[in-house]
Amino acid sequence: MHQKMFSPIDLHMHSLASDGTMHPRDLVQRVHDSGVQVMALTDHDNTAGLAEAGEKATELGIQLIPGVEVSSEWETQGIHIVGLFVDPENGVLQEGLAKIMAFRDWRATEISRLLEVAGIPGAEAGARAMAGSRMVGRSHFGRWLVRAGHCADASEAFGKYLGRGCPAYVPSDWIPMTEAVRWINSAGGSAILAHPGRYKLSASRLRALLNAFREAGGAGLEVCSGSQAAGDREHLGRLARELGLLGSVGSDFHGPDVGHAAIGQLLPLPDGVEPVWTRAGIQLH
């Protein structure tokens, strides 16, 4: 018997405040229309969309959990940490996010410079226009390269210009994972390891990552994610149970025309995995 691929709670999605394609208010409307009752807005490295999302959520009767997705690194591996239930006014969190955003600004200018060397001028202005907010990432450059006719699709943009070893690749310089967890905890949040199945780690390395994450104060992991294979669910559920970590679910929705799952298109947590939301007293109907 197949389990229903729908969850009334979705704790990982993005708006125009980072690399999503929808205004926060329109994203909340889409969440409402999908039937999801509880959502988290987890934009990359900033909380700029939360106020607008909160107003719309109140209007529609959606429970909005304030969140953020922090870019970090563990033993040279890029790791994303979702912070749920964070206080967006917290000084430690905002000072930390400001450092990451400053790096992102520098990287955008550097990517643009390298593209100009490769014969493609005007990339930063184009990417910023695609972004619609301060947060500019490689995905925005990829979309602009397609829009400007330099590449057929995002895959070609990364394969030809933006990916590792390509002419406009700029290495990331993210903060240590332990710092990301500290910022989130300082803001009263729960630190959740985003889409562990995406990191392509061996079983022993994944366990080592989860142990290090737990020791740093991490609360849980995304057992069910729209950006990792559905088959990862059982293995990640076992790890959560064994290591005493909470479980979370999130589509990683970026927009209707972007990859990953649709809002709420998620399997439930496996039996025996404690949901991160029960600690906050959230009951699903």
Protein backbone atom coordinates (compact mmCIF):
# COMPACT_ATOMS: atom_id res chain seq x y z
CA MET A 1 0.00 0.00 0.00
CA HIS A 2 1.47 3.33 -1.12
CA GLN A 3 1.61 6.22 1.32
CA LYS A 4 0.04 9.47 0.24
CA MET A 5 2.57 11.92 -1.16
CA PHE A 6 1.24 14.97 0.65
CA SER A 7 2.19 16.67 3.89
CA PRO A 8 0.14 19.42 5.58
CA ILE A 9 3.45 20.84 6.89
CA ASP A 10 6.32 22.03 4.67
CA LEU A 11 9.35 23.52 6.41
CA HIS A 12 11.71 24.43 3.56
CA MET A 13 10.93 26.89 0.76
CA HIS A 14 12.33 29.96 -0.91
CA SER A 15 11.04 33.30 -2.19
CA LEU A 16 12.43 36.15 -4.26
CA ALA A 17 14.31 37.24 -1.13
CA SER A 18 16.83 34.55 -2.12
CA ASP A 19 16.76 32.30 -5.20
CA GLY A 20 13.04 31.58 -5.39
CA THR A 21 10.93 33.07 -8.16
CA MET A 22 7.86 34.22 -6.19
CA HIS A 23 7.23 37.23 -3.95
CA PRO A 24 6.82 36.09 -0.32
CA ARG A 25 3.11 37.03 -0.29
CA ASP A 26 2.47 35.08 -3.52
CA LEU A 27 4.34 32.08 -2.15
CA VAL A 28 2.12 32.08 0.96
CA GLN A 29 -0.96 32.27 -1.26
CA ARG A 30 0.30 29.24 -3.20
CA VAL A 31 0.91 27.40 0.08
CA HIS A 32 -2.67 28.14 1.12
CA ASP A 33 -4.05 26.99 -2.23
CA SER A 34 -2.06 23.75 -1.99
CA GLY A 35 -3.70 22.77 1.30
CA VAL A 36 -0.57 23.05 3.44
CA GLN A 37 -1.40 24.40 6.93
CA VAL A 38 2.07 25.09 8.36
CA MET A 39 5.00 26.49 6.38
CA ALA A 40 8.49 27.82 6.96
CA LEU A 41 10.09 30.43 4.73
CA THR A 42 13.80 29.55 4.69
CA ASP A 43 15.52 31.92 2.29
CA HIS A 44 19.26 31.62 1.83
CA ASP A 45 21.31 33.67 4.27
CA ASN A 46 18.70 36.35 4.96
CA THR A 47 15.31 36.88 6.59
CA ALA A 48 14.17 39.80 4.43
CA GLY A 49 11.01 38.07 3.18
CA LEU A 50 9.59 37.09 6.57
CA ALA A 51 7.65 40.28 7.34
CA GLU A 52 5.74 40.25 4.04
CA ALA A 53 5.14 36.50 4.30
CA GLY A 54 3.91 36.92 7.88
CA GLU A 55 1.30 39.52 6.93
CA LYS A 56 -0.12 37.29 4.19
CA ALA A 57 -0.02 34.19 6.40
CA THR A 58 -2.05 35.98 9.09
CA GLU A 59 -4.57 37.06 6.47
CA LEU A 60 -4.99 33.51 5.15
CA GLY A 61 -4.79 31.61 8.43
CA ILE A 62 -1.53 29.87 7.55
CA GLN A 63 0.92 29.17 10.38
CA LEU A 64 4.27 30.64 9.32
CA ILE A 65 7.42 29.43 11.06
CA PRO A 66 10.19 32.01 10.69
CA GLY A 67 13.24 30.40 9.15
CA VAL A 68 16.48 30.81 7.24
CA GLU A 69 18.86 28.53 5.33
CA VAL A 70 22.48 29.25 6.24
CA SER A 71 25.35 28.40 3.88
CA SER A 72 28.18 26.70 5.76
CA GLU A 73 31.01 24.20 5.44
CA TRP A 74 32.10 21.01 7.19
CA GLU A 75 35.51 19.53 6.34
CA THR A 76 35.53 21.30 2.90
CA GLN A 77 31.99 20.01 2.16
CA GLY A 78 29.36 22.68 1.58
CA ILE A 79 26.51 22.14 4.06
CA HIS A 80 23.19 23.98 4.30
CA ILE A 81 21.63 24.42 7.73
CA VAL A 82 17.95 25.33 8.00
CA GLY A 83 17.08 27.37 11.06
CA LEU A 84 13.45 27.00 12.18
CA PHE A 85 11.60 29.05 14.82
CA VAL A 86 14.32 31.73 14.72
CA ASP A 87 13.87 35.24 16.07
CA PRO A 88 14.61 37.36 12.98
CA GLU A 89 15.48 40.34 15.18
CA ASN A 90 18.29 38.47 16.96
CA GLY A 91 21.57 40.38 16.74
CA VAL A 92 23.90 37.36 16.65
CA LEU A 93 21.97 35.83 13.75
CA GLN A 94 21.72 39.05 11.77
CA GLU A 95 25.39 39.95 12.25
CA GLY A 96 26.34 36.51 11.01
CA LEU A 97 24.02 36.65 8.00
CA ALA A 98 25.41 40.10 7.12
CA LYS A 99 28.89 38.55 6.80
CA ILE A 100 27.61 35.91 4.40
CA MET A 101 25.71 38.48 2.34
CA ALA A 102 28.86 40.62 2.09
CA PHE A 103 30.71 37.60 0.70
CA ARG A 104 27.86 36.95 -1.73
CA ASP A 105 28.09 40.56 -2.96
CA TRP A 106 31.83 40.19 -3.53
CA ARG A 107 31.35 36.85 -5.30
CA ALA A 108 28.72 38.29 -7.63
CA THR A 109 31.10 41.05 -8.73
CA GLU A 110 33.91 38.53 -9.20
CA ILE A 111 31.73 36.15 -11.26
CA SER A 112 30.72 39.11 -13.43
CA ARG A 113 34.37 40.11 -13.89
CA LEU A 114 35.33 36.60 -14.97
CA LEU A 115 32.39 36.41 -17.39
CA GLU A 116 33.52 39.70 -18.90
CA VAL A 117 37.00 38.23 -19.37
CA ALA A 118 35.27 35.33 -21.14
CA GLY A 119 33.58 37.81 -23.48
CA ILE A 120 30.24 38.25 -21.71
CA PRO A 121 29.84 41.77 -20.25
CA GLY A 122 27.04 43.10 -18.04
CA ALA A 123 26.44 39.90 -16.09
CA GLU A 124 26.16 41.36 -12.58
CA ALA A 125 23.50 43.89 -13.59
CA GLY A 126 21.66 41.14 -15.44
CA ALA A 127 21.84 38.70 -12.54
CA ARG A 128 20.70 41.36 -10.06
CA ALA A 129 17.72 42.14 -12.29
CA MET A 130 16.86 38.43 -12.35
CA ALA A 131 17.19 38.22 -8.57
CA GLY A 132 14.85 41.07 -7.68
CA SER A 133 16.48 41.34 -4.24
CA ARG A 134 19.94 41.78 -2.78
CA MET A 135 20.71 38.06 -2.57
CA VAL A 136 22.46 37.12 -5.83
CA GLY A 137 23.63 33.56 -6.34
CA ARG A 138 24.97 31.47 -9.18
CA SER A 139 21.45 30.41 -10.11
CA HIS A 140 20.63 34.04 -10.99
CA PHE A 141 23.69 34.24 -13.23
CA GLY A 142 22.58 30.97 -14.80
CA ARG A 143 19.09 32.30 -15.50
CA TRP A 144 20.52 35.52 -16.94
CA LEU A 145 22.92 33.63 -19.24
CA VAL A 146 19.91 31.75 -20.62
CA ARG A 147 17.74 34.88 -20.88
CA ALA A 148 20.55 36.79 -22.65
CA GLY A 149 20.97 33.98 -25.17
CA HIS A 150 24.45 32.86 -24.12
CA CYS A 151 23.27 29.39 -23.04
CA ALA A 152 20.38 27.13 -23.96
CA ASP A 153 19.53 26.24 -20.37
CA ALA A 154 20.79 26.37 -16.79
CA SER A 155 22.63 23.08 -17.20
CA GLU A 156 24.72 24.54 -20.03
CA ALA A 157 25.33 27.73 -18.04
CA PHE A 158 26.83 25.75 -15.16
CA GLY A 159 28.63 23.27 -17.42
CA LYS A 160 30.21 25.98 -19.55
CA TYR A 161 30.72 28.98 -17.26
CA LEU A 162 29.63 28.71 -13.60
CA GLY A 163 30.49 25.20 -12.42
CA ARG A 164 33.68 24.04 -10.74
CA GLY A 165 36.63 24.31 -13.14
CA CYS A 166 34.77 26.66 -15.52
CA PRO A 167 35.92 30.18 -16.53
CA ALA A 168 33.59 32.04 -14.13
CA TYR A 169 33.72 29.65 -11.19
CA VAL A 170 34.47 31.37 -7.88
CA PRO A 171 35.11 29.04 -4.91
CA SER A 172 32.79 29.45 -1.96
CA ASP A 173 34.15 30.68 1.35
CA TRP A 174 31.39 29.69 3.74
CA ILE A 175 31.45 29.81 7.52
CA PRO A 176 32.08 26.66 9.61
CA MET A 177 28.98 24.55 10.22
CA THR A 178 29.44 25.02 13.96
CA GLU A 179 29.04 28.80 13.52
CA ALA A 180 25.80 28.41 11.57
CA VAL A 181 24.38 26.22 14.33
CA ARG A 182 25.50 28.70 16.99
CA TRP A 183 23.78 31.62 15.23
CA ILE A 184 20.53 29.68 14.89
CA ASN A 185 20.59 28.53 18.51
CA SER A 186 21.40 32.08 19.65
CA ALA A 187 18.22 33.19 17.87
CA GLY A 188 16.16 30.61 19.77
CA GLY A 189 15.85 28.38 16.73
CA SER A 190 16.24 24.70 15.92
CA ALA A 191 19.13 23.89 13.56
CA ILE A 192 18.18 21.31 10.93
CA LEU A 193 20.60 19.71 8.48
CA ALA A 194 19.10 20.38 5.04
CA HIS A 195 18.71 17.58 2.44
CA PRO A 196 21.49 15.26 3.76
CA GLY A 197 20.96 12.93 0.80
CA ARG A 198 22.20 15.59 -1.61
CA TYR A 199 25.74 15.74 -0.29
CA LYS A 200 26.85 12.45 -1.91
CA LEU A 201 28.69 11.31 1.22
CA SER A 202 29.57 7.73 2.01
CA ALA A 203 27.61 6.09 4.84
CA SER A 204 30.50 6.58 7.28
CA ARG A 205 31.03 10.23 6.27
CA LEU A 206 27.33 10.99 6.60
CA ARG A 207 27.29 9.49 10.08
CA ALA A 208 30.40 11.52 10.97
CA LEU A 209 28.69 14.68 9.70
CA LEU A 210 25.55 13.98 11.72
CA ASN A 211 27.60 13.29 14.85
CA ALA A 212 29.54 16.54 14.41
CA PHE A 213 26.30 18.40 13.76
CA ARG A 214 24.68 16.99 16.91
CA GLU A 215 27.76 17.80 19.01
CA ALA A 216 27.63 21.39 17.71
CA GLY A 217 24.06 21.74 18.97
CA GLY A 218 22.17 20.67 15.87
CA ALA A 219 18.60 19.56 16.53
CA GLY A 220 17.62 17.41 13.56
CA LEU A 221 17.71 16.64 9.86
CA GLU A 222 15.46 16.75 6.83
CA VAL A 223 14.40 13.13 6.58
CA CYS A 224 11.95 13.91 3.77
CA SER A 225 13.12 16.49 1.23
CA GLY A 226 11.97 17.46 -2.24
CA SER A 227 15.60 17.84 -3.32
CA GLN A 228 16.86 14.37 -2.40
CA ALA A 229 15.77 10.91 -3.49
CA ALA A 230 12.59 9.58 -1.87
CA GLY A 231 14.55 6.37 -1.21
CA ASP A 232 16.77 8.23 1.27
CA ARG A 233 13.83 8.53 3.67
CA GLU A 234 14.16 5.17 5.44
CA HIS A 235 17.93 5.37 5.86
CA LEU A 236 17.80 8.94 7.17
CA GLY A 237 14.94 8.01 9.47
CA ARG A 238 17.02 5.22 10.98
CA LEU A 239 19.93 7.61 11.52
CA ALA A 240 17.65 10.16 13.19
CA ARG A 241 16.33 7.51 15.58
CA GLU A 242 19.79 6.10 16.35
CA LEU A 243 21.37 9.51 16.99
CA GLY A 244 18.43 11.04 18.85
CA LEU A 245 17.86 13.74 16.22
CA LEU A 246 14.51 15.27 15.31
CA GLY A 247 13.02 14.85 11.85
CA SER A 248 11.87 17.56 9.47
CA VAL A 249 10.13 17.64 6.09
CA GLY A 250 10.55 20.23 3.36
CA SER A 251 9.93 20.49 -0.36
CA ASP A 252 12.78 22.98 -1.01
CA PHE A 253 10.26 24.74 -3.27
CA HIS A 254 11.78 27.56 -5.35
CA GLY A 255 8.94 28.30 -7.75
CA PRO A 256 6.45 26.63 -10.09
CA ASP A 257 8.93 26.43 -12.97
CA VAL A 258 11.99 25.44 -10.92
CA GLY A 259 13.08 21.90 -9.99
CA HIS A 260 12.42 19.97 -6.79
CA ALA A 261 9.04 18.96 -5.46
CA ALA A 262 5.84 20.98 -5.39
CA ILE A 263 4.70 22.47 -2.08
CA GLY A 264 3.61 19.74 0.32
CA GLN A 265 4.54 16.89 -2.03
CA LEU A 266 6.28 14.93 0.69
CA LEU A 267 5.99 11.56 2.39
CA PRO A 268 5.40 11.54 6.16
CA LEU A 269 8.24 10.96 8.59
CA PRO A 270 8.99 7.28 9.21
CA ASP A 271 7.58 5.75 12.39
CA GLY A 272 9.58 6.49 15.50
CA VAL A 273 11.13 9.74 14.25
CA GLU A 274 10.15 12.66 16.47
CA PRO A 275 8.98 15.65 14.38
CA VAL A 276 10.75 18.95 15.01
CA TRP A 277 7.40 20.74 15.13
CA THR A 278 6.00 18.82 18.09
CA ARG A 279 8.63 20.47 20.31
CA ALA A 280 6.99 23.78 19.39
CA GLY A 281 3.52 22.48 20.27
CA ILE A 282 2.27 22.37 16.67
CA GLN A 283 -0.50 19.84 16.12
CA LEU A 284 -1.54 18.85 12.60
CA HIS A 285 -5.14 18.06 11.74
